[in-house]
């Protein structure tokens, strides 16, 4: 069975390498590797998300599916007073995010699995390029788990490729969360939709 970026413990050789990327408004040098999502660069969807979402607030911010840390690092650079929770099932992704945060001098990034996030903790913002390829059942479970953890007025902003079901995913969000959350499409760019789910 082929290995995916959402494997918990990648067996693929890490092949670590340094790349230069734009994060927090400046060019930064980060370390990436094999066995994590978009190990070669900031992928196009994430770039669309970073270019269009609301400013990062202070308080608790969740990066749902952090990979090597693009969204987490950008969030922490934008908002030094925020606590950024970088969540992933992939241990290599968590290690890369943690080492990149240290290299950039960021003290406000916490790399965690879901079990390591305190049950009572709520978030001012969730930013995510969600792992669509895990399948609908797992994706929907992630939404039911984390969208209720927003504070009132808090927003989850996600980018989804149109060819991976952005329209149907937005419809599902409306059908399942309209009583408690407002769902809006806030941007479309290069085949990607940015969807905001704001807790009422």
N, C-alpha and C. Protein backbone atom coordinates (compact mmCIF):
# COMPACT_ATOMS: atom_id res chain seq x y z
N UNK A 1 0.86 -1.20 0.00
CA UNK A 1 0.00 0.00 0.00
C UNK A 1 0.89 1.24 0.00
N UNK A 2 0.65 2.20 -0.90
CA UNK A 2 1.49 3.39 -0.95
C UNK A 2 1.37 4.22 0.32
N UNK A 3 2.47 4.90 0.64
CA UNK A 3 2.48 5.73 1.84
C UNK A 3 1.94 7.12 1.51
N UNK A 4 1.17 7.69 2.44
CA UNK A 4 0.58 9.00 2.23
C UNK A 4 1.14 9.99 3.24
N UNK A 5 0.96 11.27 2.95
CA UNK A 5 1.42 12.30 3.89
C UNK A 5 0.66 12.26 5.19
N UNK A 6 -0.49 11.57 5.22
CA UNK A 6 -1.23 11.46 6.47
C UNK A 6 -0.94 10.14 7.19
N UNK A 7 0.14 9.44 6.76
CA UNK A 7 0.61 8.29 7.54
C UNK A 7 1.18 8.80 8.86
N UNK A 8 0.93 8.09 9.94
CA UNK A 8 1.38 8.56 11.25
C UNK A 8 2.89 8.54 11.38
N UNK A 9 3.53 7.49 10.86
CA UNK A 9 4.98 7.34 10.99
C UNK A 9 5.57 7.00 9.62
N UNK A 10 5.92 8.00 8.82
CA UNK A 10 6.43 7.74 7.48
C UNK A 10 7.67 6.84 7.50
N UNK A 11 7.69 5.86 6.61
CA UNK A 11 8.84 4.98 6.48
C UNK A 11 9.79 5.43 5.37
N UNK A 12 9.31 6.33 4.52
CA UNK A 12 10.14 6.88 3.45
C UNK A 12 11.33 7.62 4.05
N UNK A 13 12.48 7.53 3.39
CA UNK A 13 13.64 8.28 3.84
C UNK A 13 13.31 9.77 3.88
N UNK A 14 13.76 10.46 4.93
CA UNK A 14 13.34 11.85 5.15
C UNK A 14 13.82 12.80 4.06
N UNK A 15 15.04 12.61 3.56
CA UNK A 15 15.60 13.47 2.50
C UNK A 15 15.41 14.95 2.83
N UNK A 16 15.88 15.35 4.00
CA UNK A 16 15.70 16.72 4.46
C UNK A 16 16.44 17.70 3.55
N UNK A 17 15.84 18.86 3.34
CA UNK A 17 16.47 19.88 2.50
C UNK A 17 15.96 21.25 2.92
N UNK A 18 16.75 22.26 2.68
CA UNK A 18 16.34 23.63 2.97
C UNK A 18 15.78 24.28 1.72
N UNK A 19 14.69 25.03 1.91
CA UNK A 19 14.10 25.79 0.82
C UNK A 19 13.80 27.20 1.32
N UNK A 20 13.67 28.13 0.38
CA UNK A 20 13.31 29.51 0.71
C UNK A 20 11.86 29.74 0.32
N UNK A 21 11.08 30.28 1.25
CA UNK A 21 9.65 30.50 1.02
C UNK A 21 9.24 31.84 1.61
N UNK A 22 8.11 32.35 1.14
CA UNK A 22 7.55 33.59 1.69
C UNK A 22 6.59 33.24 2.83
N UNK A 23 6.92 33.65 4.03
CA UNK A 23 6.06 33.44 5.19
C UNK A 23 6.12 34.67 6.07
N UNK A 24 4.99 35.08 6.59
CA UNK A 24 4.97 36.25 7.45
C UNK A 24 5.46 37.51 6.76
N UNK A 25 5.26 37.58 5.44
CA UNK A 25 5.62 38.78 4.70
C UNK A 25 7.07 38.91 4.31
N UNK A 26 7.87 37.87 4.57
CA UNK A 26 9.28 37.92 4.22
C UNK A 26 9.76 36.57 3.71
N UNK A 27 10.89 36.57 3.04
CA UNK A 27 11.49 35.30 2.63
C UNK A 27 12.14 34.63 3.84
N UNK A 28 11.84 33.37 4.02
CA UNK A 28 12.38 32.59 5.15
C UNK A 28 13.00 31.31 4.62
N UNK A 29 13.96 30.80 5.35
CA UNK A 29 14.55 29.51 5.04
C UNK A 29 13.99 28.47 6.00
N UNK A 30 13.42 27.41 5.45
CA UNK A 30 12.83 26.35 6.27
C UNK A 30 13.36 25.00 5.80
N UNK A 31 13.18 24.00 6.63
CA UNK A 31 13.57 22.63 6.29
C UNK A 31 12.33 21.81 6.00
N UNK A 32 12.36 21.09 4.88
CA UNK A 32 11.26 20.19 4.52
C UNK A 32 11.85 18.81 4.23
N UNK A 33 10.99 17.90 3.83
CA UNK A 33 11.48 16.56 3.54
C UNK A 33 10.41 15.73 2.88
N UNK A 34 10.76 14.49 2.60
CA UNK A 34 9.81 13.54 2.01
C UNK A 34 8.87 13.02 3.09
N UNK A 35 7.73 12.51 2.65
CA UNK A 35 6.79 11.90 3.59
C UNK A 35 5.89 12.88 4.30
N UNK A 36 5.91 14.17 3.87
CA UNK A 36 5.01 15.16 4.42
C UNK A 36 4.34 15.88 3.26
N UNK A 37 3.24 16.57 3.56
CA UNK A 37 2.49 17.25 2.51
C UNK A 37 3.31 18.38 1.90
N UNK A 38 3.38 18.40 0.57
CA UNK A 38 4.03 19.49 -0.18
C UNK A 38 5.43 19.78 0.35
N UNK A 39 6.27 18.76 0.33
CA UNK A 39 7.62 18.92 0.86
C UNK A 39 8.55 19.76 0.00
N UNK A 40 8.12 20.12 -1.22
CA UNK A 40 8.99 20.88 -2.11
C UNK A 40 8.84 22.39 -2.00
N UNK A 41 7.70 22.85 -1.48
CA UNK A 41 7.43 24.30 -1.46
C UNK A 41 6.12 24.53 -0.71
N UNK A 42 5.73 25.79 -0.58
CA UNK A 42 4.37 26.10 -0.14
C UNK A 42 3.46 25.80 -1.33
N UNK A 43 2.54 24.84 -1.18
CA UNK A 43 1.70 24.46 -2.31
C UNK A 43 0.76 25.60 -2.69
N UNK A 44 0.19 25.51 -3.89
CA UNK A 44 -0.62 26.62 -4.41
C UNK A 44 -1.84 26.90 -3.54
N UNK A 45 -2.50 25.84 -3.07
CA UNK A 45 -3.68 26.05 -2.24
C UNK A 45 -3.36 26.78 -0.95
N UNK A 46 -2.30 26.36 -0.29
CA UNK A 46 -1.90 27.04 0.95
C UNK A 46 -1.52 28.48 0.69
N UNK A 47 -0.85 28.73 -0.43
CA UNK A 47 -0.49 30.11 -0.78
C UNK A 47 -1.74 30.96 -0.97
N UNK A 48 -2.75 30.42 -1.64
CA UNK A 48 -4.02 31.14 -1.80
C UNK A 48 -4.62 31.45 -0.43
N UNK A 49 -4.61 30.45 0.46
CA UNK A 49 -5.15 30.66 1.81
C UNK A 49 -4.40 31.77 2.53
N UNK A 50 -3.07 31.72 2.52
CA UNK A 50 -2.28 32.72 3.24
C UNK A 50 -2.48 34.13 2.67
N UNK A 51 -2.76 34.20 1.38
CA UNK A 51 -2.92 35.51 0.74
C UNK A 51 -4.31 36.12 0.93
N UNK A 52 -5.28 35.32 1.39
CA UNK A 52 -6.66 35.82 1.39
C UNK A 52 -7.34 35.79 2.76
N UNK A 53 -6.80 35.10 3.74
CA UNK A 53 -7.51 34.97 5.00
C UNK A 53 -7.35 36.20 5.88
N UNK A 54 -8.20 36.26 6.90
CA UNK A 54 -8.19 37.38 7.83
C UNK A 54 -6.90 37.41 8.63
N UNK A 55 -6.53 38.57 9.18
CA UNK A 55 -5.34 38.65 10.03
C UNK A 55 -5.43 37.65 11.19
N UNK A 56 -4.29 37.16 11.60
CA UNK A 56 -4.24 36.19 12.69
C UNK A 56 -4.47 36.92 14.02
N UNK A 57 -5.43 36.48 14.82
CA UNK A 57 -5.69 37.15 16.10
C UNK A 57 -4.73 36.69 17.18
N UNK A 58 -4.71 37.41 18.28
CA UNK A 58 -4.03 36.87 19.46
C UNK A 58 -4.94 35.80 20.05
N UNK A 59 -4.43 35.04 20.97
CA UNK A 59 -5.21 33.93 21.51
C UNK A 59 -4.74 32.62 20.90
N UNK A 60 -5.63 31.64 20.85
CA UNK A 60 -5.30 30.31 20.36
C UNK A 60 -5.70 30.15 18.91
N UNK A 61 -4.73 29.71 18.11
CA UNK A 61 -4.94 29.50 16.67
C UNK A 61 -4.56 28.05 16.37
N UNK A 62 -5.42 27.36 15.63
CA UNK A 62 -5.18 25.96 15.28
C UNK A 62 -4.86 25.84 13.81
N UNK A 63 -3.75 25.16 13.51
CA UNK A 63 -3.42 24.76 12.14
C UNK A 63 -3.77 23.29 12.04
N UNK A 64 -4.86 22.98 11.35
CA UNK A 64 -5.38 21.62 11.26
C UNK A 64 -4.73 20.91 10.08
N UNK A 65 -3.73 20.06 10.39
CA UNK A 65 -2.95 19.38 9.35
C UNK A 65 -1.76 20.22 8.96
N UNK A 66 -0.79 20.35 9.86
CA UNK A 66 0.25 21.38 9.72
C UNK A 66 1.33 21.05 8.68
N UNK A 67 1.52 19.77 8.31
CA UNK A 67 2.62 19.45 7.41
C UNK A 67 3.94 19.92 7.99
N UNK A 68 4.81 20.48 7.15
CA UNK A 68 6.11 20.95 7.66
C UNK A 68 6.00 22.32 8.33
N UNK A 69 4.77 22.91 8.33
CA UNK A 69 4.56 24.08 9.15
C UNK A 69 4.24 25.39 8.46
N UNK A 70 3.95 25.38 7.17
CA UNK A 70 3.76 26.64 6.45
C UNK A 70 2.73 27.55 7.12
N UNK A 71 1.53 27.03 7.39
CA UNK A 71 0.47 27.84 7.98
C UNK A 71 0.80 28.21 9.42
N UNK A 72 1.32 27.25 10.17
CA UNK A 72 1.68 27.52 11.58
C UNK A 72 2.74 28.60 11.69
N UNK A 73 3.77 28.49 10.88
CA UNK A 73 4.87 29.45 10.95
C UNK A 73 4.40 30.84 10.52
N UNK A 74 3.62 30.89 9.43
CA UNK A 74 3.09 32.17 8.98
C UNK A 74 2.22 32.80 10.07
N UNK A 75 1.39 31.98 10.72
CA UNK A 75 0.51 32.48 11.79
C UNK A 75 1.32 33.03 12.95
N UNK A 76 2.34 32.28 13.36
CA UNK A 76 3.17 32.69 14.50
C UNK A 76 3.97 33.94 14.19
N UNK A 77 4.43 34.07 12.96
CA UNK A 77 5.18 35.27 12.56
C UNK A 77 4.26 36.49 12.53
N UNK A 78 3.03 36.31 12.06
CA UNK A 78 2.07 37.41 12.01
C UNK A 78 1.63 37.87 13.39
N UNK A 79 1.46 36.91 14.30
CA UNK A 79 0.85 37.21 15.59
C UNK A 79 1.72 36.64 16.72
N UNK A 80 2.75 37.37 17.13
CA UNK A 80 3.64 36.86 18.18
C UNK A 80 2.93 36.60 19.50
N UNK A 81 1.78 37.27 19.73
CA UNK A 81 1.05 37.07 20.97
C UNK A 81 0.09 35.87 20.91
N UNK A 82 -0.07 35.28 19.74
CA UNK A 82 -0.93 34.11 19.62
C UNK A 82 -0.19 32.86 20.06
N UNK A 83 -0.95 31.86 20.46
CA UNK A 83 -0.41 30.52 20.65
C UNK A 83 -0.91 29.67 19.49
N UNK A 84 0.02 29.21 18.67
CA UNK A 84 -0.33 28.45 17.47
C UNK A 84 -0.18 26.96 17.76
N UNK A 85 -1.27 26.25 17.63
CA UNK A 85 -1.29 24.80 17.85
C UNK A 85 -1.18 24.12 16.49
N UNK A 86 -0.03 23.53 16.23
CA UNK A 86 0.24 22.86 14.96
C UNK A 86 -0.10 21.38 15.11
N UNK A 87 -1.20 20.97 14.49
CA UNK A 87 -1.75 19.63 14.69
C UNK A 87 -1.54 18.78 13.45
N UNK A 88 -1.06 17.57 13.67
CA UNK A 88 -0.92 16.61 12.57
C UNK A 88 -0.85 15.21 13.17
N UNK A 89 -1.17 14.20 12.36
CA UNK A 89 -0.98 12.81 12.78
C UNK A 89 0.41 12.32 12.40
N UNK A 90 1.07 13.03 11.51
CA UNK A 90 2.35 12.63 10.94
C UNK A 90 3.49 13.10 11.84
N UNK A 91 4.21 12.18 12.45
CA UNK A 91 5.27 12.54 13.38
C UNK A 91 6.40 13.32 12.72
N UNK A 92 6.70 13.00 11.48
CA UNK A 92 7.75 13.75 10.78
C UNK A 92 7.31 15.19 10.53
N UNK A 93 6.04 15.38 10.20
CA UNK A 93 5.52 16.73 10.01
C UNK A 93 5.66 17.54 11.30
N UNK A 94 5.32 16.93 12.42
CA UNK A 94 5.43 17.63 13.70
C UNK A 94 6.88 17.97 14.03
N UNK A 95 7.79 17.05 13.74
CA UNK A 95 9.21 17.31 14.00
C UNK A 95 9.73 18.45 13.13
N UNK A 96 9.33 18.48 11.86
CA UNK A 96 9.78 19.54 10.97
C UNK A 96 9.21 20.89 11.38
N UNK A 97 7.93 20.92 11.74
CA UNK A 97 7.32 22.17 12.18
C UNK A 97 8.02 22.69 13.42
N UNK A 98 8.30 21.80 14.37
CA UNK A 98 8.97 22.21 15.61
C UNK A 98 10.38 22.74 15.33
N UNK A 99 11.12 22.06 14.48
CA UNK A 99 12.49 22.51 14.20
C UNK A 99 12.48 23.81 13.40
N UNK A 100 11.52 23.98 12.51
CA UNK A 100 11.42 25.24 11.76
C UNK A 100 11.06 26.40 12.68
N UNK A 101 10.18 26.15 13.64
CA UNK A 101 9.83 27.20 14.59
C UNK A 101 11.04 27.63 15.40
N UNK A 102 11.83 26.67 15.83
CA UNK A 102 13.06 26.99 16.59
C UNK A 102 14.02 27.78 15.71
N UNK A 103 14.19 27.36 14.47
CA UNK A 103 15.13 28.02 13.56
C UNK A 103 14.72 29.46 13.29
N UNK A 104 13.42 29.72 13.30
CA UNK A 104 12.92 31.08 13.05
C UNK A 104 12.75 31.89 14.33
N UNK A 105 13.15 31.31 15.45
CA UNK A 105 13.08 32.02 16.72
C UNK A 105 11.67 32.19 17.26
N UNK A 106 10.78 31.29 16.87
CA UNK A 106 9.38 31.38 17.29
C UNK A 106 9.15 30.54 18.54
N UNK A 107 8.64 31.19 19.57
CA UNK A 107 8.36 30.50 20.84
C UNK A 107 6.88 30.22 21.03
N UNK A 108 6.07 30.58 20.06
CA UNK A 108 4.61 30.49 20.22
C UNK A 108 3.97 29.40 19.37
N UNK A 109 4.77 28.43 18.96
CA UNK A 109 4.24 27.30 18.18
C UNK A 109 4.32 26.03 19.03
N UNK A 110 3.20 25.34 19.15
CA UNK A 110 3.16 24.07 19.89
C UNK A 110 2.76 22.97 18.91
N UNK A 111 3.62 22.01 18.70
CA UNK A 111 3.32 20.89 17.82
C UNK A 111 2.66 19.78 18.62
N UNK A 112 1.50 19.32 18.14
CA UNK A 112 0.68 18.41 18.94
C UNK A 112 -0.07 17.39 18.07
N UNK A 113 -0.38 16.26 18.68
CA UNK A 113 -1.41 15.38 18.15
C UNK A 113 -2.74 15.82 18.76
N UNK A 114 -3.83 15.28 18.26
CA UNK A 114 -5.15 15.68 18.77
C UNK A 114 -5.28 15.40 20.26
N UNK A 115 -4.72 14.29 20.71
CA UNK A 115 -4.85 13.91 22.12
C UNK A 115 -4.10 14.85 23.05
N UNK A 116 -3.17 15.63 22.51
CA UNK A 116 -2.36 16.52 23.33
C UNK A 116 -2.95 17.92 23.46
N UNK A 117 -4.06 18.19 22.80
CA UNK A 117 -4.73 19.49 22.94
C UNK A 117 -5.71 19.40 24.10
N UNK A 118 -5.61 20.30 25.09
CA UNK A 118 -6.52 20.24 26.24
C UNK A 118 -7.98 20.26 25.80
N UNK A 119 -8.77 19.40 26.42
CA UNK A 119 -10.18 19.23 26.01
C UNK A 119 -10.99 20.51 26.13
N UNK A 120 -10.61 21.40 27.07
CA UNK A 120 -11.39 22.61 27.30
C UNK A 120 -10.94 23.78 26.41
N UNK A 121 -9.89 23.58 25.65
CA UNK A 121 -9.32 24.68 24.87
C UNK A 121 -10.19 25.01 23.66
N UNK A 122 -10.45 26.30 23.45
CA UNK A 122 -11.17 26.76 22.26
C UNK A 122 -10.26 27.71 21.48
N UNK A 123 -10.63 27.94 20.22
CA UNK A 123 -9.75 28.65 19.31
C UNK A 123 -10.40 29.92 18.76
N UNK A 124 -9.59 30.97 18.70
CA UNK A 124 -10.04 32.21 18.06
C UNK A 124 -10.06 32.04 16.54
N UNK A 125 -9.17 31.20 16.03
CA UNK A 125 -9.10 30.99 14.58
C UNK A 125 -8.56 29.60 14.30
N UNK A 126 -9.10 28.99 13.25
CA UNK A 126 -8.54 27.76 12.68
C UNK A 126 -8.16 28.09 11.24
N UNK A 127 -6.96 27.73 10.85
CA UNK A 127 -6.52 27.93 9.47
C UNK A 127 -6.09 26.55 8.95
N UNK A 128 -6.53 26.18 7.75
CA UNK A 128 -6.25 24.82 7.32
C UNK A 128 -6.32 24.65 5.81
N UNK A 129 -5.39 23.87 5.29
CA UNK A 129 -5.52 23.24 3.99
C UNK A 129 -5.85 21.79 4.33
N UNK A 130 -7.14 21.47 4.52
CA UNK A 130 -7.51 20.20 5.14
C UNK A 130 -7.12 19.00 4.27
N UNK A 131 -6.88 17.86 4.91
CA UNK A 131 -6.44 16.65 4.19
C UNK A 131 -7.61 15.98 3.47
N UNK A 132 -8.02 16.55 2.36
CA UNK A 132 -9.18 16.05 1.61
C UNK A 132 -9.02 14.57 1.25
N UNK A 133 -7.79 14.17 0.94
CA UNK A 133 -7.57 12.81 0.45
C UNK A 133 -7.70 11.73 1.52
N UNK A 134 -7.92 12.11 2.77
CA UNK A 134 -8.16 11.08 3.79
C UNK A 134 -9.51 10.41 3.60
N UNK A 135 -10.39 11.03 2.81
CA UNK A 135 -11.72 10.48 2.58
C UNK A 135 -12.77 11.25 3.35
N UNK A 136 -14.00 11.17 2.87
CA UNK A 136 -15.08 11.99 3.44
C UNK A 136 -15.35 11.67 4.90
N UNK A 137 -15.34 10.40 5.26
CA UNK A 137 -15.69 10.03 6.64
C UNK A 137 -14.73 10.67 7.64
N UNK A 138 -13.43 10.58 7.36
CA UNK A 138 -12.43 11.15 8.26
C UNK A 138 -12.50 12.67 8.22
N UNK A 139 -12.64 13.24 7.03
CA UNK A 139 -12.72 14.70 6.88
C UNK A 139 -13.92 15.25 7.66
N UNK A 140 -15.06 14.62 7.50
CA UNK A 140 -16.26 15.09 8.19
C UNK A 140 -16.11 14.96 9.71
N UNK A 141 -15.46 13.89 10.15
CA UNK A 141 -15.20 13.73 11.58
C UNK A 141 -14.31 14.85 12.10
N UNK A 142 -13.31 15.25 11.31
CA UNK A 142 -12.45 16.37 11.71
C UNK A 142 -13.27 17.65 11.88
N UNK A 143 -14.19 17.89 10.96
CA UNK A 143 -15.02 19.09 11.05
C UNK A 143 -15.91 19.05 12.30
N UNK A 144 -16.53 17.90 12.55
CA UNK A 144 -17.40 17.77 13.73
C UNK A 144 -16.60 17.88 15.02
N UNK A 145 -15.33 17.52 14.98
CA UNK A 145 -14.48 17.61 16.16
C UNK A 145 -14.03 19.03 16.44
N UNK A 146 -13.58 19.76 15.41
CA UNK A 146 -12.88 21.01 15.65
C UNK A 146 -13.72 22.26 15.43
N UNK A 147 -14.71 22.27 14.54
CA UNK A 147 -15.50 23.48 14.35
C UNK A 147 -16.26 23.89 15.61
N UNK A 148 -16.78 22.95 16.41
CA UNK A 148 -17.41 23.38 17.67
C UNK A 148 -16.44 23.97 18.68
N UNK A 149 -15.15 23.81 18.45
CA UNK A 149 -14.14 24.31 19.39
C UNK A 149 -13.76 25.77 19.12
N UNK A 150 -14.40 26.39 18.14
CA UNK A 150 -14.20 27.82 17.93
C UNK A 150 -14.90 28.61 19.04
N UNK A 151 -14.30 29.75 19.42
CA UNK A 151 -15.01 30.67 20.31
C UNK A 151 -16.12 31.33 19.50
N UNK A 152 -17.09 31.94 20.19
CA UNK A 152 -18.13 32.68 19.46
C UNK A 152 -17.49 33.80 18.65
N UNK A 153 -17.83 33.87 17.40
CA UNK A 153 -17.23 34.86 16.52
C UNK A 153 -15.93 34.40 15.89
N UNK A 154 -15.40 33.27 16.36
CA UNK A 154 -14.17 32.72 15.79
C UNK A 154 -14.44 32.07 14.45
N UNK A 155 -13.43 32.02 13.60
CA UNK A 155 -13.62 31.55 12.24
C UNK A 155 -12.60 30.49 11.87
N UNK A 156 -13.07 29.49 11.14
CA UNK A 156 -12.20 28.49 10.52
C UNK A 156 -12.13 28.81 9.03
N UNK A 157 -10.92 29.03 8.55
CA UNK A 157 -10.74 29.37 7.14
C UNK A 157 -9.94 28.26 6.49
N UNK A 158 -10.54 27.67 5.44
CA UNK A 158 -9.97 26.50 4.79
C UNK A 158 -9.89 26.71 3.28
N UNK A 159 -8.87 26.12 2.66
CA UNK A 159 -8.75 26.15 1.22
C UNK A 159 -8.95 24.74 0.68
N UNK A 160 -9.77 24.64 -0.37
CA UNK A 160 -10.06 23.34 -0.99
C UNK A 160 -10.03 23.51 -2.50
N UNK A 161 -9.37 22.60 -3.19
CA UNK A 161 -9.33 22.65 -4.65
C UNK A 161 -10.70 22.33 -5.23
N UNK A 162 -11.08 23.06 -6.26
CA UNK A 162 -12.37 22.83 -6.89
C UNK A 162 -12.47 21.40 -7.40
N UNK A 163 -11.38 20.88 -7.99
CA UNK A 163 -11.43 19.54 -8.55
C UNK A 163 -11.39 18.44 -7.49
N UNK A 164 -11.21 18.83 -6.22
CA UNK A 164 -11.27 17.86 -5.13
C UNK A 164 -12.56 18.01 -4.32
N UNK A 165 -13.52 18.74 -4.90
CA UNK A 165 -14.84 18.76 -4.28
C UNK A 165 -15.15 19.96 -3.41
N UNK A 166 -14.55 21.12 -3.72
CA UNK A 166 -14.78 22.30 -2.89
C UNK A 166 -16.26 22.66 -2.80
N UNK A 167 -16.98 22.57 -3.91
CA UNK A 167 -18.39 22.97 -3.93
C UNK A 167 -19.23 22.04 -3.07
N UNK A 168 -19.03 20.73 -3.22
CA UNK A 168 -19.80 19.78 -2.43
C UNK A 168 -19.42 19.84 -0.96
N UNK A 169 -18.16 20.11 -0.66
CA UNK A 169 -17.73 20.25 0.72
C UNK A 169 -18.38 21.47 1.37
N UNK A 170 -18.44 22.57 0.65
CA UNK A 170 -19.10 23.77 1.18
C UNK A 170 -20.58 23.50 1.43
N UNK A 171 -21.22 22.79 0.51
CA UNK A 171 -22.63 22.44 0.69
C UNK A 171 -22.81 21.57 1.92
N UNK A 172 -21.93 20.60 2.12
CA UNK A 172 -22.02 19.73 3.30
C UNK A 172 -21.84 20.54 4.58
N UNK A 173 -20.92 21.49 4.58
CA UNK A 173 -20.73 22.34 5.77
C UNK A 173 -21.99 23.12 6.10
N UNK A 174 -22.64 23.68 5.09
CA UNK A 174 -23.88 24.42 5.32
C UNK A 174 -24.94 23.49 5.90
N UNK A 175 -25.09 22.32 5.31
CA UNK A 175 -26.13 21.39 5.76
C UNK A 175 -25.92 20.92 7.19
N UNK A 176 -24.65 20.82 7.61
CA UNK A 176 -24.36 20.24 8.92
C UNK A 176 -24.10 21.26 10.01
N UNK A 177 -23.80 22.52 9.64
CA UNK A 177 -23.41 23.49 10.66
C UNK A 177 -24.19 24.80 10.62
N UNK A 178 -25.20 24.91 9.74
CA UNK A 178 -25.86 26.20 9.59
C UNK A 178 -26.57 26.67 10.86
N UNK A 179 -26.93 25.77 11.74
CA UNK A 179 -27.60 26.18 12.98
C UNK A 179 -26.67 26.90 13.94
N UNK A 180 -25.38 26.62 13.84
CA UNK A 180 -24.42 27.17 14.80
C UNK A 180 -23.32 28.00 14.16
N UNK A 181 -23.12 27.84 12.86
CA UNK A 181 -22.02 28.51 12.16
C UNK A 181 -22.52 29.12 10.85
N UNK A 182 -21.89 30.20 10.46
CA UNK A 182 -22.16 30.78 9.14
C UNK A 182 -21.07 30.33 8.18
N UNK A 183 -21.46 29.81 7.03
CA UNK A 183 -20.51 29.31 6.04
C UNK A 183 -20.51 30.25 4.84
N UNK A 184 -19.35 30.77 4.47
CA UNK A 184 -19.24 31.66 3.32
C UNK A 184 -17.98 31.32 2.52
N UNK A 185 -18.08 31.51 1.21
CA UNK A 185 -16.89 31.39 0.36
C UNK A 185 -16.30 32.78 0.25
N UNK A 186 -15.07 32.95 0.75
CA UNK A 186 -14.50 34.30 0.80
C UNK A 186 -13.53 34.59 -0.33
N UNK A 187 -13.13 33.55 -1.08
CA UNK A 187 -12.21 33.79 -2.20
C UNK A 187 -12.23 32.61 -3.15
N UNK A 188 -11.94 32.89 -4.41
CA UNK A 188 -11.70 31.87 -5.42
C UNK A 188 -10.47 32.31 -6.20
N UNK A 189 -9.52 31.40 -6.36
CA UNK A 189 -8.29 31.78 -7.05
C UNK A 189 -7.58 30.53 -7.55
N UNK A 190 -7.26 30.50 -8.84
CA UNK A 190 -6.43 29.44 -9.42
C UNK A 190 -6.98 28.04 -9.14
N UNK A 191 -8.31 27.90 -9.20
CA UNK A 191 -8.92 26.60 -9.01
C UNK A 191 -9.11 26.21 -7.56
N UNK A 192 -8.92 27.15 -6.65
CA UNK A 192 -9.09 26.89 -5.23
C UNK A 192 -10.18 27.79 -4.64
N UNK A 193 -10.94 27.25 -3.70
CA UNK A 193 -11.94 28.01 -2.98
C UNK A 193 -11.48 28.16 -1.53
N UNK A 194 -11.61 29.36 -0.98
CA UNK A 194 -11.35 29.58 0.44
C UNK A 194 -12.70 29.74 1.14
N UNK A 195 -12.97 28.85 2.07
CA UNK A 195 -14.25 28.79 2.77
C UNK A 195 -14.05 29.20 4.23
N UNK A 196 -14.90 30.09 4.71
CA UNK A 196 -14.87 30.49 6.11
C UNK A 196 -16.10 29.94 6.83
N UNK A 197 -15.86 29.33 7.99
CA UNK A 197 -16.94 28.81 8.81
C UNK A 197 -16.83 29.54 10.16
N UNK A 198 -17.76 30.46 10.43
CA UNK A 198 -17.69 31.34 11.59
C UNK A 198 -18.75 30.94 12.61
N UNK A 199 -18.33 30.77 13.85
CA UNK A 199 -19.27 30.36 14.90
C UNK A 199 -20.14 31.54 15.28
N UNK A 200 -21.45 31.33 15.33
CA UNK A 200 -22.39 32.41 15.63
C UNK A 200 -22.29 32.80 17.11
